[in-house]
Amino acid sequence: MLKLDYSQYKCPYPVIETRKQMLANPESALNVLVGDQAGRDNVARLADKMGYQSSVTTEGKLFCLTLTPAESPRQRLKSLQNFKTGLPCGRKNNRLLWQRPYGTGG
């Protein structure tokens, strides 16, 4: 299990660094220490999107998130590849479906 201490940093740094570790070590469980609620919520959201299960414990004013891989390796690889594109479902382009014209009010 990798132990990551981001308790001295504010978002988005803990999320970015946790994501880097998830991509570098896809089969490893992570123990992430963050210092505020925003970091706790955002790292937990990242874990959910990348196919990890998360549990949170409180250590004084700090939050300790334990992230464990939840899916099979093949499913996790697919979800990681989709997440790398930054778009849902791994699509290569994102189209604007509707746009309100300027000056229409409301």
PDB file of N, CA and C in Angstrom:
ATOM      1  N   MET A   1       0.852  -1.176   0.000  1.00  0.00           N
ATOM      2  CA  MET A   1       0.000   0.000   0.000  1.00  0.00           C
ATOM      3  C   MET A   1       0.896   1.236   0.000  1.00  0.00           C
ATOM      4  N   LEU A   2       0.613   2.150  -0.915  1.00  0.00           N
ATOM      5  CA  LEU A   2       1.351   3.401  -0.988  1.00  0.00           C
ATOM      6  C   LEU A   2       0.744   4.416  -0.026  1.00  0.00           C
ATOM      7  N   LYS A   3       1.588   5.126   0.699  1.00  0.00           N
ATOM      8  CA  LYS A   3       1.116   6.155   1.624  1.00  0.00           C
ATOM      9  C   LYS A   3       1.494   7.513   1.072  1.00  0.00           C
ATOM     10  N   LEU A   4       0.494   8.363   0.868  1.00  0.00           N
ATOM     11  CA  LEU A   4       0.689   9.688   0.297  1.00  0.00           C
ATOM     12  C   LEU A   4       0.212  10.731   1.291  1.00  0.00           C
ATOM     13  N   ASP A   5       1.055  11.704   1.628  1.00  0.00           N
ATOM     14  CA  ASP A   5       0.698  12.747   2.584  1.00  0.00           C
ATOM     15  C   ASP A   5       0.597  14.087   1.867  1.00  0.00           C
ATOM     16  N   TYR A   6      -0.633  14.540   1.653  1.00  0.00           N
ATOM     17  CA  TYR A   6      -0.884  15.837   1.029  1.00  0.00           C
ATOM     18  C   TYR A   6      -1.607  16.755   2.009  1.00  0.00           C
ATOM     19  N   SER A   7      -1.361  16.557   3.289  1.00  0.00           N
ATOM     20  CA  SER A   7      -2.084  17.316   4.315  1.00  0.00           C
ATOM     21  C   SER A   7      -1.708  18.792   4.321  1.00  0.00           C
ATOM     22  N   GLN A   8      -0.566  19.142   3.773  1.00  0.00           N
ATOM     23  CA  GLN A   8      -0.130  20.541   3.762  1.00  0.00           C
ATOM     24  C   GLN A   8      -0.551  21.281   2.495  1.00  0.00           C
ATOM     25  N   TYR A   9      -1.228  20.591   1.581  1.00  0.00           N
ATOM     26  CA  TYR A   9      -1.553  21.174   0.282  1.00  0.00           C
ATOM     27  C   TYR A   9      -3.058  21.350   0.118  1.00  0.00           C
ATOM     28  N   LYS A  10      -3.444  22.349  -0.659  1.00  0.00           N
ATOM     29  CA  LYS A  10      -4.849  22.603  -0.996  1.00  0.00           C
ATOM     30  C   LYS A  10      -5.138  22.044  -2.384  1.00  0.00           C
ATOM     31  N   CYS A  11      -6.419  21.847  -2.671  1.00  0.00           N
ATOM     32  CA  CYS A  11      -6.836  21.373  -3.987  1.00  0.00           C
ATOM     33  C   CYS A  11      -6.437  22.400  -5.043  1.00  0.00           C
ATOM     34  N   PRO A  12      -6.082  21.924  -6.196  1.00  0.00           N
ATOM     35  CA  PRO A  12      -6.240  20.585  -6.766  1.00  0.00           C
ATOM     36  C   PRO A  12      -5.013  19.688  -6.618  1.00  0.00           C
ATOM     37  N   TYR A  13      -3.972  20.140  -5.921  1.00  0.00           N
ATOM     38  CA  TYR A  13      -2.718  19.374  -5.844  1.00  0.00           C
ATOM     39  C   TYR A  13      -2.912  17.932  -5.350  1.00  0.00           C
ATOM     40  N   PRO A  14      -3.652  17.686  -4.256  1.00  0.00           N
ATOM     41  CA  PRO A  14      -3.823  16.283  -3.823  1.00  0.00           C
ATOM     42  C   PRO A  14      -4.504  15.408  -4.877  1.00  0.00           C
ATOM     43  N   VAL A  15      -5.452  15.975  -5.611  1.00  0.00           N
ATOM     44  CA  VAL A  15      -6.166  15.205  -6.638  1.00  0.00           C
ATOM     45  C   VAL A  15      -5.226  14.871  -7.796  1.00  0.00           C
ATOM     46  N   ILE A  16      -4.450  15.853  -8.231  1.00  0.00           N
ATOM     47  CA  ILE A  16      -3.536  15.639  -9.360  1.00  0.00           C
ATOM     48  C   ILE A  16      -2.485  14.592  -9.008  1.00  0.00           C
ATOM     49  N   GLU A  17      -1.895  14.719  -7.842  1.00  0.00           N
ATOM     50  CA  GLU A  17      -0.844  13.783  -7.445  1.00  0.00           C
ATOM     51  C   GLU A  17      -1.403  12.377  -7.178  1.00  0.00           C
ATOM     52  N   THR A  18      -2.599  12.297  -6.610  1.00  0.00           N
ATOM     53  CA  THR A  18      -3.219  10.986  -6.392  1.00  0.00           C
ATOM     54  C   THR A  18      -3.502  10.311  -7.723  1.00  0.00           C
ATOM     55  N   ARG A  19      -3.988  11.063  -8.689  1.00  0.00           N
ATOM     56  CA  ARG A  19      -4.255  10.518 -10.026  1.00  0.00           C
ATOM     57  C   ARG A  19      -2.974   9.988 -10.662  1.00  0.00           C
ATOM     58  N   LYS A  20      -1.870  10.735 -10.519  1.00  0.00           N
ATOM     59  CA  LYS A  20      -0.595  10.272 -11.062  1.00  0.00           C
ATOM     60  C   LYS A  20      -0.199   8.930 -10.457  1.00  0.00           C
ATOM     61  N   GLN A  21      -0.392   8.787  -9.154  1.00  0.00           N
ATOM     62  CA  GLN A  21      -0.044   7.525  -8.492  1.00  0.00           C
ATOM     63  C   GLN A  21      -0.977   6.394  -8.915  1.00  0.00           C
ATOM     64  N   MET A  22      -2.259   6.709  -9.136  1.00  0.00           N
ATOM     65  CA  MET A  22      -3.203   5.685  -9.602  1.00  0.00           C
ATOM     66  C   MET A  22      -2.797   5.163 -10.975  1.00  0.00           C
ATOM     67  N   LEU A  23      -2.380   6.063 -11.852  1.00  0.00           N
ATOM     68  CA  LEU A  23      -1.985   5.662 -13.199  1.00  0.00           C
ATOM     69  C   LEU A  23      -0.651   4.914 -13.192  1.00  0.00           C
ATOM     70  N   ALA A  24       0.258   5.308 -12.307  1.00  0.00           N
ATOM     71  CA  ALA A  24       1.578   4.667 -12.243  1.00  0.00           C
ATOM     72  C   ALA A  24       1.518   3.297 -11.570  1.00  0.00           C
ATOM     73  N   ASN A  25       0.592   3.120 -10.632  1.00  0.00           N
ATOM     74  CA  ASN A  25       0.487   1.873  -9.859  1.00  0.00           C
ATOM     75  C   ASN A  25      -0.962   1.391  -9.846  1.00  0.00           C
ATOM     76  N   PRO A  26      -1.478   0.903 -10.973  1.00  0.00           N
ATOM     77  CA  PRO A  26      -2.907   0.591 -11.059  1.00  0.00           C
ATOM     78  C   PRO A  26      -3.402  -0.532 -10.161  1.00  0.00           C
ATOM     79  N   GLU A  27      -2.527  -1.457  -9.727  1.00  0.00           N
ATOM     80  CA  GLU A  27      -2.988  -2.554  -8.876  1.00  0.00           C
ATOM     81  C   GLU A  27      -2.803  -2.277  -7.391  1.00  0.00           C
ATOM     82  N   SER A  28      -2.179  -1.155  -7.047  1.00  0.00           N
ATOM     83  CA  SER A  28      -1.856  -0.864  -5.650  1.00  0.00           C
ATOM     84  C   SER A  28      -2.974  -0.114  -4.952  1.00  0.00           C
ATOM     85  N   ALA A  29      -3.131  -0.426  -3.690  1.00  0.00           N
ATOM     86  CA  ALA A  29      -4.029   0.353  -2.839  1.00  0.00           C
ATOM     87  C   ALA A  29      -3.260   1.596  -2.385  1.00  0.00           C
ATOM     88  N   LEU A  30      -3.998   2.677  -2.145  1.00  0.00           N
ATOM     89  CA  LEU A  30      -3.384   3.940  -1.742  1.00  0.00           C
ATOM     90  C   LEU A  30      -3.961   4.390  -0.415  1.00  0.00           C
ATOM     91  N   ASN A  31      -3.113   4.994   0.392  1.00  0.00           N
ATOM     92  CA  ASN A  31      -3.532   5.603   1.646  1.00  0.00           C
ATOM     93  C   ASN A  31      -3.190   7.088   1.524  1.00  0.00           C
ATOM     94  N   VAL A  32      -4.203   7.949   1.361  1.00  0.00           N
ATOM     95  CA  VAL A  32      -4.000   9.367   1.073  1.00  0.00           C
ATOM     96  C   VAL A  32      -4.432  10.195   2.271  1.00  0.00           C
ATOM     97  N   LEU A  33      -3.548  11.070   2.722  1.00  0.00           N
ATOM     98  CA  LEU A  33      -3.833  11.960   3.840  1.00  0.00           C
ATOM     99  C   LEU A  33      -4.018  13.370   3.302  1.00  0.00           C
ATOM    100  N   VAL A  34      -5.202  13.970   3.537  1.00  0.00           N
ATOM    101  CA  VAL A  34      -5.494  15.338   3.098  1.00  0.00           C
ATOM    102  C   VAL A  34      -5.890  16.188   4.297  1.00  0.00           C
ATOM    103  N   GLY A  35      -5.754  17.511   4.141  1.00  0.00           N
ATOM    104  CA  GLY A  35      -5.957  18.391   5.274  1.00  0.00           C
ATOM    105  C   GLY A  35      -7.274  19.116   5.334  1.00  0.00           C
ATOM    106  N   ASP A  36      -8.110  19.002   4.301  1.00  0.00           N
ATOM    107  CA  ASP A  36      -9.379  19.729   4.339  1.00  0.00           C
ATOM    108  C   ASP A  36     -10.497  18.915   3.692  1.00  0.00           C
ATOM    109  N   GLN A  37     -11.732  19.395   3.881  1.00  0.00           N
ATOM    110  CA  GLN A  37     -12.894  18.659   3.373  1.00  0.00           C
ATOM    111  C   GLN A  37     -12.957  18.671   1.858  1.00  0.00           C
ATOM    112  N   ALA A  38     -12.528  19.771   1.232  1.00  0.00           N
ATOM    113  CA  ALA A  38     -12.545  19.829  -0.234  1.00  0.00           C
ATOM    114  C   ALA A  38     -11.623  18.766  -0.818  1.00  0.00           C
ATOM    115  N   GLY A  39     -10.440  18.621  -0.240  1.00  0.00           N
ATOM    116  CA  GLY A  39      -9.518  17.585  -0.698  1.00  0.00           C
ATOM    117  C   GLY A  39     -10.086  16.200  -0.495  1.00  0.00           C
ATOM    118  N   ARG A  40     -10.720  15.982   0.657  1.00  0.00           N
ATOM    119  CA  ARG A  40     -11.347  14.687   0.943  1.00  0.00           C
ATOM    120  C   ARG A  40     -12.410  14.370  -0.095  1.00  0.00           C
ATOM    121  N   ASP A  41     -13.296  15.319  -0.356  1.00  0.00           N
ATOM    122  CA  ASP A  41     -14.388  15.086  -1.307  1.00  0.00           C
ATOM    123  C   ASP A  41     -13.875  14.876  -2.722  1.00  0.00           C
ATOM    124  N   ASN A  42     -12.909  15.686  -3.137  1.00  0.00           N
ATOM    125  CA  ASN A  42     -12.409  15.593  -4.513  1.00  0.00           C
ATOM    126  C   ASN A  42     -11.592  14.330  -4.754  1.00  0.00           C
ATOM    127  N   VAL A  43     -10.778  13.914  -3.786  1.00  0.00           N
ATOM    128  CA  VAL A  43     -10.023  12.667  -3.950  1.00  0.00           C
ATOM    129  C   VAL A  43     -10.978  11.470  -3.949  1.00  0.00           C
ATOM    130  N   ALA A  44     -12.000  11.496  -3.108  1.00  0.00           N
ATOM    131  CA  ALA A  44     -12.992  10.411  -3.099  1.00  0.00           C
ATOM    132  C   ALA A  44     -13.743  10.352  -4.429  1.00  0.00           C
ATOM    133  N   ARG A  45     -14.065  11.506  -5.001  1.00  0.00           N
ATOM    134  CA  ARG A  45     -14.754  11.554  -6.297  1.00  0.00           C
ATOM    135  C   ARG A  45     -13.843  10.996  -7.399  1.00  0.00           C
ATOM    136  N   LEU A  46     -12.571  11.362  -7.368  1.00  0.00           N
ATOM    137  CA  LEU A  46     -11.610  10.836  -8.332  1.00  0.00           C
ATOM    138  C   LEU A  46     -11.520   9.322  -8.220  1.00  0.00           C
ATOM    139  N   ALA A  47     -11.438   8.813  -6.994  1.00  0.00           N
ATOM    140  CA  ALA A  47     -11.346   7.370  -6.783  1.00  0.00           C
ATOM    141  C   ALA A  47     -12.557   6.654  -7.370  1.00  0.00           C
ATOM    142  N   ASP A  48     -13.731   7.213  -7.168  1.00  0.00           N
ATOM    143  CA  ASP A  48     -14.950   6.608  -7.703  1.00  0.00           C
ATOM    144  C   ASP A  48     -14.913   6.584  -9.232  1.00  0.00           C
ATOM    145  N   LYS A  49     -14.486   7.678  -9.850  1.00  0.00           N
ATOM    146  CA  LYS A  49     -14.437   7.738 -11.316  1.00  0.00           C
ATOM    147  C   LYS A  49     -13.406   6.794 -11.907  1.00  0.00           C
ATOM    148  N   MET A  50     -12.348   6.509 -11.141  1.00  0.00           N
ATOM    149  CA  MET A  50     -11.282   5.666 -11.662  1.00  0.00           C
ATOM    150  C   MET A  50     -11.409   4.216 -11.222  1.00  0.00           C
ATOM    151  N   GLY A  51     -12.541   3.845 -10.618  1.00  0.00           N
ATOM    152  CA  GLY A  51     -12.799   2.448 -10.289  1.00  0.00           C
ATOM    153  C   GLY A  51     -12.191   1.977  -8.985  1.00  0.00           C
ATOM    154  N   TYR A  52     -12.034   2.869  -8.036  1.00  0.00           N
ATOM    155  CA  TYR A  52     -11.516   2.508  -6.716  1.00  0.00           C
ATOM    156  C   TYR A  52     -12.639   2.614  -5.690  1.00  0.00           C
ATOM    157  N   GLN A  53     -12.549   1.806  -4.648  1.00  0.00           N
ATOM    158  CA  GLN A  53     -13.432   1.968  -3.496  1.00  0.00           C
ATOM    159  C   GLN A  53     -12.695   2.836  -2.497  1.00  0.00           C
ATOM    160  N   SER A  54     -13.424   3.717  -1.823  1.00  0.00           N
ATOM    161  CA  SER A  54     -12.757   4.600  -0.863  1.00  0.00           C
ATOM    162  C   SER A  54     -13.452   4.510   0.488  1.00  0.00           C
ATOM    163  N   SER A  55     -12.640   4.629   1.528  1.00  0.00           N
ATOM    164  CA  SER A  55     -13.166   4.745   2.879  1.00  0.00           C
ATOM    165  C   SER A  55     -12.386   5.869   3.555  1.00  0.00           C
ATOM    166  N   VAL A  56     -13.089   6.632   4.392  1.00  0.00           N
ATOM    167  CA  VAL A  56     -12.506   7.823   5.008  1.00  0.00           C
ATOM    168  C   VAL A  56     -12.499   7.661   6.523  1.00  0.00           C
ATOM    169  N   THR A  57     -11.376   7.980   7.125  1.00  0.00           N
ATOM    170  CA  THR A  57     -11.282   8.063   8.578  1.00  0.00           C
ATOM    171  C   THR A  57     -10.721   9.437   8.929  1.00  0.00           C
ATOM    172  N   THR A  58     -11.030   9.897  10.131  1.00  0.00           N
ATOM    173  CA  THR A  58     -10.565  11.197  10.586  1.00  0.00           C
ATOM    174  C   THR A  58      -9.457  11.000  11.608  1.00  0.00           C
ATOM    175  N   GLU A  59      -8.368  11.714  11.399  1.00  0.00           N
ATOM    176  CA  GLU A  59      -7.239  11.691  12.334  1.00  0.00           C
ATOM    177  C   GLU A  59      -7.005  13.123  12.804  1.00  0.00           C
ATOM    178  N   GLY A  60      -7.658  13.512  13.896  1.00  0.00           N
ATOM    179  CA  GLY A  60      -7.575  14.900  14.349  1.00  0.00           C
ATOM    180  C   GLY A  60      -8.294  15.800  13.365  1.00  0.00           C
ATOM    181  N   LYS A  61      -7.560  16.745  12.775  1.00  0.00           N
ATOM    182  CA  LYS A  61      -8.139  17.639  11.771  1.00  0.00           C
ATOM    183  C   LYS A  61      -7.868  17.153  10.355  1.00  0.00           C
ATOM    184  N   LEU A  62      -7.233  16.003  10.218  1.00  0.00           N
ATOM    185  CA  LEU A  62      -6.879  15.465   8.913  1.00  0.00           C
ATOM    186  C   LEU A  62      -7.819  14.332   8.520  1.00  0.00           C
ATOM    187  N   PHE A  63      -7.883  14.078   7.227  1.00  0.00           N
ATOM    188  CA  PHE A  63      -8.711  13.002   6.690  1.00  0.00           C
ATOM    189  C   PHE A  63      -7.803  11.987   6.005  1.00  0.00           C
ATOM    190  N   CYS A  64      -7.997  10.718   6.331  1.00  0.00           N
ATOM    191  CA  CYS A  64      -7.216   9.639   5.738  1.00  0.00           C
ATOM    192  C   CYS A  64      -8.145   8.818   4.837  1.00  0.00           C
ATOM    193  N   LEU A  65      -7.849   8.806   3.552  1.00  0.00           N
ATOM    194  CA  LEU A  65      -8.642   8.048   2.590  1.00  0.00           C
ATOM    195  C   LEU A  65      -7.878   6.787   2.214  1.00  0.00           C
ATOM    196  N   THR A  66      -8.530   5.648   2.320  1.00  0.00           N
ATOM    197  CA  THR A  66      -7.959   4.383   1.880  1.00  0.00           C
ATOM    198  C   THR A  66      -8.644   4.029   0.569  1.00  0.00           C
ATOM    199  N   LEU A  67      -7.859   3.964  -0.496  1.00  0.00           N
ATOM    200  CA  LEU A  67      -8.381   3.705  -1.837  1.00  0.00           C
ATOM    201  C   LEU A  67      -7.908   2.335  -2.292  1.00  0.00           C
ATOM    202  N   THR A  68      -8.846   1.458  -2.613  1.00  0.00           N
ATOM    203  CA  THR A  68      -8.514   0.109  -3.070  1.00  0.00           C
ATOM    204  C   THR A  68      -9.159  -0.149  -4.424  1.00  0.00           C
ATOM    205  N   PRO A  69      -8.426  -0.809  -5.331  1.00  0.00           N
ATOM    206  CA  PRO A  69      -9.006  -1.127  -6.639  1.00  0.00           C
ATOM    207  C   PRO A  69     -10.241  -2.006  -6.473  1.00  0.00           C
ATOM    208  N   ALA A  70     -11.333  -1.638  -7.140  1.00  0.00           N
ATOM    209  CA  ALA A  70     -12.601  -2.341  -6.958  1.00  0.00           C
ATOM    210  C   ALA A  70     -12.940  -3.266  -8.118  1.00  0.00           C
ATOM    211  N   GLU A  71     -12.472  -2.963  -9.301  1.00  0.00           N
ATOM    212  CA  GLU A  71     -12.860  -3.718 -10.484  1.00  0.00           C
ATOM    213  C   GLU A  71     -11.780  -4.727 -10.856  1.00  0.00           C
ATOM    214  N   SER A  72     -12.114  -5.572 -11.796  1.00  0.00           N
ATOM    215  CA  SER A  72     -11.104  -6.485 -12.330  1.00  0.00           C
ATOM    216  C   SER A  72     -10.069  -5.668 -13.095  1.00  0.00           C
ATOM    217  N   PRO A  73      -8.860  -6.177 -13.257  1.00  0.00           N
ATOM    218  CA  PRO A  73      -7.822  -5.412 -13.950  1.00  0.00           C
ATOM    219  C   PRO A  73      -8.223  -4.966 -15.352  1.00  0.00           C
ATOM    220  N   ARG A  74      -8.933  -5.799 -16.091  1.00  0.00           N
ATOM    221  CA  ARG A  74      -9.333  -5.431 -17.449  1.00  0.00           C
ATOM    222  C   ARG A  74     -10.340  -4.281 -17.435  1.00  0.00           C
ATOM    223  N   GLN A  75     -11.328  -4.327 -16.532  1.00  0.00           N
ATOM    224  CA  GLN A  75     -12.311  -3.247 -16.434  1.00  0.00           C
ATOM    225  C   GLN A  75     -11.654  -1.956 -15.974  1.00  0.00           C
ATOM    226  N   ARG A  76     -10.722  -2.055 -15.027  1.00  0.00           N
ATOM    227  CA  ARG A  76     -10.028  -0.872 -14.525  1.00  0.00           C
ATOM    228  C   ARG A  76      -9.203  -0.234 -15.623  1.00  0.00           C
ATOM    229  N   LEU A  77      -8.527  -1.044 -16.446  1.00  0.00           N
ATOM    230  CA  LEU A  77      -7.722  -0.513 -17.526  1.00  0.00           C
ATOM    231  C   LEU A  77      -8.600   0.270 -18.492  1.00  0.00           C
ATOM    232  N   LYS A  78      -9.777  -0.273 -18.796  1.00  0.00           N
ATOM    233  CA  LYS A  78     -10.691   0.414 -19.698  1.00  0.00           C
ATOM    234  C   LYS A  78     -11.172   1.732 -19.084  1.00  0.00           C
ATOM    235  N   SER A  79     -11.526   1.729 -17.795  1.00  0.00           N
ATOM    236  CA  SER A  79     -11.996   2.964 -17.169  1.00  0.00           C
ATOM    237  C   SER A  79     -10.868   3.985 -17.066  1.00  0.00           C
ATOM    238  N   LEU A  80      -9.629   3.531 -16.826  1.00  0.00           N
ATOM    239  CA  LEU A  80      -8.497   4.461 -16.789  1.00  0.00           C
ATOM    240  C   LEU A  80      -8.248   5.065 -18.160  1.00  0.00           C
ATOM    241  N   GLN A  81      -8.348   4.257 -19.221  1.00  0.00           N
ATOM    242  CA  GLN A  81      -8.149   4.783 -20.563  1.00  0.00           C
ATOM    243  C   GLN A  81      -9.229   5.798 -20.907  1.00  0.00           C
ATOM    244  N   ASN A  82     -10.467   5.531 -20.514  1.00  0.00           N
ATOM    245  CA  ASN A  82     -11.546   6.481 -20.763  1.00  0.00           C
ATOM    246  C   ASN A  82     -11.332   7.760 -19.967  1.00  0.00           C
ATOM    247  N   PHE A  83     -10.834   7.638 -18.750  1.00  0.00           N
ATOM    248  CA  PHE A  83     -10.616   8.811 -17.916  1.00  0.00           C
ATOM    249  C   PHE A  83      -9.479   9.664 -18.447  1.00  0.00           C
ATOM    250  N   LYS A  84      -8.469   9.051 -19.078  1.00  0.00           N
ATOM    251  CA  LYS A  84      -7.335   9.802 -19.610  1.00  0.00           C
ATOM    252  C   LYS A  84      -7.749  10.765 -20.703  1.00  0.00           C
ATOM    253  N   THR A  85      -8.779  10.423 -21.482  1.00  0.00           N
ATOM    254  CA  THR A  85      -9.192  11.298 -22.577  1.00  0.00           C
ATOM    255  C   THR A  85      -9.838  12.565 -22.068  1.00  0.00           C
ATOM    256  N   GLY A  86     -10.341  12.541 -20.835  1.00  0.00           N
ATOM    257  CA  GLY A  86     -10.999  13.715 -20.288  1.00  0.00           C
ATOM    258  C   GLY A  86     -12.441  13.860 -20.733  1.00  0.00           C
ATOM    259  N   LEU A  87     -12.920  12.930 -21.557  1.00  0.00           N
ATOM    260  CA  LEU A  87     -14.282  12.992 -22.058  1.00  0.00           C
ATOM    261  C   LEU A  87     -15.028  11.733 -21.651  1.00  0.00           C
ATOM    262  N   PRO A  88     -16.331  11.816 -21.457  1.00  0.00           N
ATOM    263  CA  PRO A  88     -17.080  10.623 -21.089  1.00  0.00           C
ATOM    264  C   PRO A  88     -17.016   9.563 -22.187  1.00  0.00           C
ATOM    265  N   CYS A  89     -16.927   8.318 -21.772  1.00  0.00           N
ATOM    266  CA  CYS A  89     -16.953   7.159 -22.666  1.00  0.00           C
ATOM    267  C   CYS A  89     -15.789   7.132 -23.645  1.00  0.00           C
ATOM    268  N   GLY A  90     -14.738   7.893 -23.395  1.00  0.00           N
ATOM    269  CA  GLY A  90     -13.567   7.845 -24.242  1.00  0.00           C
ATOM    270  C   GLY A  90     -13.751   8.469 -25.608  1.00  0.00           C
ATOM    271  N   ARG A  91     -14.762   9.303 -25.787  1.00  0.00           N
ATOM    272  CA  ARG A  91     -14.972   9.935 -27.086  1.00  0.00           C
ATOM    273  C   ARG A  91     -13.825  10.877 -27.401  1.00  0.00           C
ATOM    274  N   LYS A  92     -13.517  11.037 -28.676  1.00  0.00           N
ATOM    275  CA  LYS A  92     -12.405  11.873 -29.091  1.00  0.00           C
ATOM    276  C   LYS A  92     -12.811  13.335 -29.255  1.00  0.00           C
ATOM    277  N   ASN A  93     -14.068  13.602 -29.489  1.00  0.00           N
ATOM    278  CA  ASN A  93     -14.489  14.998 -29.600  1.00  0.00           C
ATOM    279  C   ASN A  93     -15.782  15.201 -28.836  1.00  0.00           C
ATOM    280  N   ASN A  94     -15.991  16.403 -28.430  1.00  0.00           N
ATOM    281  CA  ASN A  94     -17.177  16.734 -27.649  1.00  0.00           C
ATOM    282  C   ASN A  94     -17.931  17.800 -28.428  1.00  0.00           C
ATOM    283  N   ARG A  95     -19.185  17.563 -28.729  1.00  0.00           N
ATOM    284  CA  ARG A  95     -19.952  18.493 -29.548  1.00  0.00           C
ATOM    285  C   ARG A  95     -20.908  19.295 -28.699  1.00  0.00           C
ATOM    286  N   LEU A  96     -21.057  20.540 -29.061  1.00  0.00           N
ATOM    287  CA  LEU A  96     -22.009  21.412 -28.402  1.00  0.00           C
ATOM    288  C   LEU A  96     -23.393  21.098 -28.963  1.00  0.00           C
ATOM    289  N   LEU A  97     -24.292  20.664 -28.100  1.00  0.00           N
ATOM    290  CA  LEU A  97     -25.605  20.245 -28.577  1.00  0.00           C
ATOM    291  C   LEU A  97     -26.597  21.397 -28.635  1.00  0.00           C
ATOM    292  N   TRP A  98     -26.422  22.382 -27.768  1.00  0.00           N
ATOM    293  CA  TRP A  98     -27.381  23.465 -27.737  1.00  0.00           C
ATOM    294  C   TRP A  98     -26.687  24.700 -27.202  1.00  0.00           C
ATOM    295  N   GLN A  99     -26.966  25.838 -27.798  1.00  0.00           N
ATOM    296  CA  GLN A  99     -26.377  27.081 -27.313  1.00  0.00           C
ATOM    297  C   GLN A  99     -27.437  28.160 -27.371  1.00  0.00           C
ATOM    298  N   ARG A 100     -27.567  28.890 -26.270  1.00  0.00           N
ATOM    299  CA  ARG A 100     -28.508  29.987 -26.211  1.00  0.00           C
ATOM    300  C   ARG A 100     -27.933  31.172 -26.969  1.00  0.00           C
ATOM    301  N   PRO A 101     -28.676  31.751 -27.925  1.00  0.00           N
ATOM    302  CA  PRO A 101     -28.169  32.914 -28.630  1.00  0.00           C
ATOM    303  C   PRO A 101     -28.031  34.113 -27.694  1.00  0.00           C
ATOM    304  N   TYR A 102     -27.050  34.947 -27.976  1.00  0.00           N
ATOM    305  CA  TYR A 102     -26.846  36.148 -27.167  1.00  0.00           C
ATOM    306  C   TYR A 102     -28.019  37.098 -27.300  1.00  0.00           C
ATOM    307  N   GLY A 103     -28.344  37.777 -26.207  1.00  0.00           N
ATOM    308  CA  GLY A 103     -29.369  38.803 -26.236  1.00  0.00           C
ATOM    309  C   GLY A 103     -30.789  38.293 -26.133  1.00  0.00           C
ATOM    310  N   THR A 104     -30.981  37.020 -25.790  1.00  0.00           N
ATOM    311  CA  THR A 104     -32.347  36.504 -25.682  1.00  0.00           C
ATOM    312  C   THR A 104     -32.908  36.668 -24.280  1.00  0.00           C
ATOM    313  N   GLY A 105     -32.096  37.125 -23.342  1.00  0.00           N
ATOM    314  CA  GLY A 105     -32.572  37.312 -21.976  1.00  0.00           C
ATOM    315  C   GLY A 105     -32.663  36.005 -21.222  1.00  0.00           C
ATOM    316  N   GLY A 106     -32.924  36.112 -19.930  1.00  0.00           N
ATOM    317  CA  GLY A 106     -33.135  34.955 -19.067  1.00  0.00           C
ATOM    318  C   GLY A 106     -32.003  34.093 -18.987  1.00  0.00           C
TER     319      GLY A 106
END
